[in-house]
Amino acid sequence: MTLSSKNVFFRAGGLASKEVEITNITYTNRAEVIYGRTTLPLSTRETDVVIYSQVLASGNTEYRTVSAKCPHQGADIREDELKLDGNVYCSLHRRPICIFSEYNYAFLVEKREDKFFIVKSES
């Protein structure tokens, strides 16, 4: 299931003061889900992340990333499905983790060749 039929995508809500590379890229059997490792903005520790991709109406692919741990109680969300409303729902408590929905805190990611980077937010 993908969001490609969704009419509205909201801009990434997570703010980054600098560009950050995502390393240890691992492709999954789900085309829209990629795993990696990085130090997220506002953090000092490297952590596992999930990168989600969606094809926009323009035909361009947009990537966003969040921690692979649910912010509620740290459950692993890597296997949880991205729903049509733009959220991943934690399998432990069903808490929504916003990726492409209106209230998201996901970070915008760019793919350059085979590398992924969290994009510095515009001022």
Protein backbone atom coordinates (compact mmCIF):
# COMPACT_ATOMS: atom_id res chain seq x y z
CA MET A 1 0.00 0.00 0.00
CA THR A 2 1.37 3.43 -0.89
CA LEU A 3 0.30 7.02 -0.61
CA SER A 4 0.64 7.68 -4.33
CA SER A 5 -3.13 8.16 -4.60
CA LYS A 6 -3.17 10.70 -1.75
CA ASN A 7 -3.83 14.23 -3.04
CA VAL A 8 -2.08 16.21 -0.29
CA PHE A 9 1.44 15.82 1.06
CA PHE A 10 2.53 18.12 3.86
CA ARG A 11 6.06 19.49 4.03
CA ALA A 12 8.45 17.74 6.39
CA GLY A 13 8.02 19.09 9.92
CA GLY A 14 11.39 18.09 11.36
CA LEU A 15 13.91 20.94 11.29
CA ALA A 16 17.61 20.38 10.65
CA SER A 17 20.21 23.12 11.15
CA LYS A 18 22.73 21.27 8.98
CA GLU A 19 22.90 18.48 6.45
CA VAL A 20 23.42 15.02 7.95
CA GLU A 21 24.40 11.85 6.07
CA ILE A 22 22.50 8.64 6.71
CA THR A 23 24.85 5.64 6.63
CA ASN A 24 24.53 1.84 6.81
CA ILE A 25 21.78 1.92 4.17
CA THR A 26 19.83 -1.33 3.97
CA TYR A 27 17.13 -1.87 1.36
CA THR A 28 14.12 -3.93 2.44
CA ASN A 29 11.67 -6.11 0.58
CA ARG A 30 9.25 -3.15 0.72
CA ALA A 31 10.20 -0.69 -2.02
CA GLU A 32 9.10 2.35 0.01
CA VAL A 33 11.08 1.44 3.16
CA ILE A 34 14.84 1.77 3.67
CA TYR A 35 16.81 1.40 6.90
CA GLY A 36 19.83 3.44 7.90
CA ARG A 37 21.77 4.91 10.77
CA THR A 38 22.45 8.57 11.63
CA THR A 39 22.53 11.22 14.33
CA LEU A 40 19.17 12.93 14.05
CA PRO A 41 18.96 16.70 14.53
CA LEU A 42 18.65 17.71 18.21
CA SER A 43 20.38 14.46 19.21
CA THR A 44 23.97 13.63 20.09
CA ARG A 45 23.72 9.86 19.60
CA GLU A 46 23.70 7.84 16.44
CA THR A 47 20.50 5.83 16.05
CA ASP A 48 18.71 3.51 13.65
CA VAL A 49 16.29 5.29 11.31
CA VAL A 50 13.64 4.36 8.79
CA ILE A 51 13.51 6.21 5.47
CA TYR A 52 10.10 6.23 3.76
CA SER A 53 9.67 7.15 0.11
CA GLN A 54 6.58 8.28 -1.74
CA VAL A 55 5.98 9.21 -5.35
CA LEU A 56 4.42 12.67 -5.55
CA ALA A 57 1.85 13.80 -8.13
CA SER A 58 4.73 15.47 -10.02
CA GLY A 59 6.32 12.04 -10.46
CA ASN A 60 9.23 12.94 -8.17
CA THR A 61 10.07 10.70 -5.23
CA GLU A 62 10.21 12.31 -1.80
CA TYR A 63 12.08 10.69 1.09
CA ARG A 64 11.53 11.29 4.79
CA THR A 65 13.14 9.74 7.83
CA VAL A 66 12.27 9.16 11.49
CA SER A 67 13.85 7.22 14.31
CA ALA A 68 13.27 3.48 14.09
CA LYS A 69 12.08 3.68 17.71
CA CYS A 70 8.62 4.89 18.67
CA PRO A 71 8.93 8.10 20.74
CA HIS A 72 6.34 6.77 23.22
CA GLN A 73 8.10 3.72 24.68
CA GLY A 74 10.87 2.91 22.23
CA ALA A 75 9.21 0.06 20.34
CA ASP A 76 10.85 -0.83 17.02
CA ILE A 77 8.68 0.52 14.17
CA ARG A 78 10.71 -0.81 11.22
CA GLU A 79 8.14 -3.48 10.36
CA ASP A 80 5.09 -1.27 10.94
CA GLU A 81 3.26 -0.25 7.78
CA LEU A 82 2.89 3.28 6.43
CA LYS A 83 -0.86 3.88 6.16
CA LEU A 84 -2.76 5.98 3.62
CA ASP A 85 -3.20 8.80 6.15
CA GLY A 86 0.58 9.40 6.13
CA ASN A 87 1.23 7.79 9.51
CA VAL A 88 2.99 4.69 10.76
CA TYR A 89 1.16 3.21 13.74
CA CYS A 90 3.40 1.68 16.39
CA SER A 91 2.52 -1.99 16.78
CA LEU A 92 2.98 -1.77 20.56
CA HIS A 93 0.43 0.96 21.42
CA ARG A 94 -0.94 2.08 18.01
CA ARG A 95 0.53 5.56 18.52
CA PRO A 96 0.69 7.41 15.17
CA ILE A 97 4.13 8.45 14.00
CA CYS A 98 3.57 11.12 11.37
CA ILE A 99 5.64 10.81 8.20
CA PHE A 100 3.64 12.50 5.44
CA SER A 101 0.61 13.74 7.41
CA GLU A 102 -0.16 17.29 8.55
CA TYR A 103 1.50 17.09 11.98
CA ASN A 104 4.67 15.24 11.04
CA TYR A 105 8.10 15.57 12.59
CA ALA A 106 9.87 13.55 9.94
CA PHE A 107 13.01 14.95 8.36
CA LEU A 108 13.24 15.61 4.64
CA VAL A 109 15.85 13.41 2.95
CA GLU A 110 17.59 13.69 -0.41
CA LYS A 111 19.06 10.77 -2.31
CA ARG A 112 22.25 11.61 -4.20
CA GLU A 113 23.56 8.68 -6.22
CA ASP A 114 23.63 5.89 -3.60
CA LYS A 115 23.76 8.15 -0.53
CA PHE A 116 21.00 9.65 1.60
CA PHE A 117 21.17 12.97 3.47
CA ILE A 118 18.85 14.74 5.90
CA VAL A 119 18.36 18.12 4.26
CA LYS A 120 19.15 21.37 6.05
CA SER A 121 15.88 23.20 6.66
CA GLU A 122 15.24 26.43 4.81
CA SER A 123 15.41 29.57 6.92
